[in-house]
Protein backbone atom coordinates (compact mmCIF):
# COMPACT_ATOMS: atom_id res chain seq x y z
CA MET A 1 10.43 14.78 22.10
CA GLU A 2 13.71 12.87 22.44
CA GLU A 3 13.91 9.40 20.94
CA GLY A 4 13.39 6.67 23.60
CA PHE A 5 11.57 8.91 25.99
CA GLU A 6 7.87 8.73 26.80
CA LYS A 7 5.83 11.80 27.58
CA ASN A 8 6.41 11.54 31.43
CA GLY A 9 10.22 11.71 30.83
CA VAL A 10 10.84 8.08 31.74
CA ASP A 11 13.28 6.20 29.38
CA ARG A 12 11.40 3.32 27.64
CA GLU A 13 13.93 1.04 26.04
CA GLU A 14 13.03 0.04 22.50
CA ILE A 15 13.86 -3.67 22.19
CA PHE A 16 12.86 -4.27 18.60
CA SER A 17 11.17 -2.37 15.75
CA LYS A 18 9.74 -3.43 12.40
CA ALA A 19 8.21 -1.18 9.79
CA VAL A 20 5.85 -2.75 7.20
CA ARG A 21 4.80 -0.65 4.22
CA ALA A 22 1.23 -1.66 2.87
CA GLY A 23 -0.04 0.41 0.20
CA LYS A 24 -0.81 4.01 1.36
CA ARG A 25 -0.17 2.96 5.00
CA THR A 26 2.86 2.00 7.08
CA TYR A 27 2.61 -0.12 10.13
CA PHE A 28 5.22 0.05 12.85
CA PHE A 29 5.61 -2.79 15.35
CA ASP A 30 7.66 -1.72 18.31
CA VAL A 31 8.62 -3.87 21.26
CA LYS A 32 9.38 -1.77 24.46
CA SER A 33 9.91 -2.50 28.02
CA THR A 34 8.05 -1.10 31.10
CA ARG A 35 9.67 0.22 34.24
CA GLY A 36 9.47 -3.30 35.64
CA ASN A 37 11.37 -4.74 32.60
CA ASP A 38 8.17 -6.36 31.24
CA TYR A 39 7.72 -6.29 27.46
CA TYR A 40 4.74 -4.80 25.44
CA LEU A 41 3.93 -4.16 21.83
CA THR A 42 2.89 -0.83 20.21
CA ILE A 43 1.35 -1.11 16.79
CA THR A 44 1.20 2.24 15.00
CA GLU A 45 -0.66 2.87 11.60
CA SER A 46 0.73 5.87 9.77
CA LYS A 47 -1.03 7.56 6.91
CA LYS A 48 0.20 10.53 4.96
CA ARG A 49 -2.62 13.12 4.74
CA PHE A 50 -2.81 16.64 3.18
CA GLY A 51 -4.35 19.50 5.28
CA ASP A 52 -6.52 22.30 4.07
CA ASP A 53 -3.31 24.38 3.52
CA GLY A 54 -1.94 21.77 1.11
CA LYS A 55 0.87 20.80 3.48
CA PHE A 56 1.09 17.12 4.37
CA PHE A 57 1.13 15.40 7.82
CA TYR A 58 1.15 11.97 9.12
CA GLU A 59 -2.06 10.77 10.81
CA LYS A 60 -1.28 8.10 13.31
CA HIS A 61 -3.21 5.61 15.34
CA LYS A 62 -1.58 3.66 17.96
CA LEU A 63 -2.48 0.38 19.81
CA PHE A 64 -0.74 -0.94 22.99
CA LEU A 65 -0.77 -4.66 23.43
CA TYR A 66 0.46 -5.96 26.74
CA LYS A 67 2.04 -9.48 27.21
CA GLU A 68 -0.74 -10.99 29.14
CA ASP A 69 -3.00 -10.26 26.14
CA PHE A 70 -0.69 -11.66 23.43
CA GLU A 71 -2.34 -15.14 23.23
CA LYS A 72 -6.02 -13.79 23.09
CA PHE A 73 -5.11 -11.17 20.61
CA THR A 74 -3.27 -13.60 18.39
CA GLU A 75 -6.24 -16.10 18.53
CA GLY A 76 -8.73 -13.55 17.76
CA PHE A 77 -6.73 -11.96 15.00
CA ALA A 78 -6.09 -15.32 13.35
CA GLU A 79 -9.73 -16.17 13.66
CA VAL A 80 -10.75 -12.93 11.91
CA ILE A 81 -8.20 -13.28 9.11
CA GLU A 82 -9.38 -16.85 8.37
CA HIS A 83 -13.00 -15.72 8.33
CA ILE A 84 -12.14 -12.95 5.91
CA LYS A 85 -10.35 -15.35 3.68
CA SER A 86 -13.34 -17.86 3.69
CA ILE A 87 -15.87 -15.14 2.59
CA SER A 88 -13.71 -13.20 0.34
CA PRO A 89 -14.56 -13.56 -3.38
CA ILE A 90 -10.82 -13.04 -4.22
CA GLU A 91 -8.33 -15.62 -2.97
CA VAL A 92 -5.90 -14.07 -0.63
CA THR A 93 -2.40 -15.43 -1.10
CA SER A 94 0.95 -14.50 0.24
CA SER A 95 4.07 -14.47 -2.02
CA GLU A 96 5.65 -16.99 0.26
CA THR A 97 3.14 -19.58 -0.78
CA SER A 98 2.61 -18.44 -4.28
CA THR A 99 4.02 -20.06 -7.39
CA PRO A 100 6.49 -17.96 -9.45
CA GLU A 101 3.80 -17.49 -12.05
CA GLU A 102 1.38 -16.10 -9.41
CA VAL A 103 4.12 -13.80 -7.94
CA SER A 104 4.89 -12.44 -11.53
CA THR A 105 1.18 -11.79 -12.18
CA THR A 106 0.71 -10.12 -8.89
CA GLU A 107 3.72 -7.96 -9.30
CA THR A 108 2.57 -6.71 -12.68
CA GLN A 109 -0.73 -5.62 -11.29
CA LYS A 110 0.81 -3.39 -8.74
CA THR A 111 0.70 0.32 -9.32
CA ASP A 112 3.21 3.04 -8.55
CA ASN A 113 1.32 3.99 -5.40
CA SER A 114 2.04 0.80 -3.56
CA PHE A 115 4.38 2.54 -1.19
CA SER A 116 4.18 5.31 1.34
CA ASP A 117 6.67 8.11 2.22
CA VAL A 118 7.88 7.54 5.78
CA ASN A 119 9.35 10.27 8.07
CA PHE A 120 11.09 8.33 10.81
CA GLU A 121 11.99 11.44 12.81
CA ASP A 122 8.48 11.65 14.23
CA LEU A 123 8.04 7.96 15.34
CA ASP A 124 8.03 8.68 19.02
CA LYS A 125 5.79 11.76 19.05
């Protein structure tokens, strides 16, 4: 499939794209426009898997989030994250709010498998 085209052949302009590697997964956040020039977000989770034949493939799950749902989605997402943080036995911190000592400790605990191989050629499939 050509880049920028949906399955029905209609051009969908990609406005913004952000890839986030998180352990063995990669998340793609893509802002696109509808025929009516309205924006929506696709969130794609991509995981590298190995088939029975030993060859690898990317397993993908895609979520479409429309502009009218942004606020409710954001509120629900924030509430769930805060709940997880409140019940988690391990404190969840981000490197932006961590002290240099905490960042150093966190970085030394990471393993070599903290990244994923990404094949950008198959993003719009």
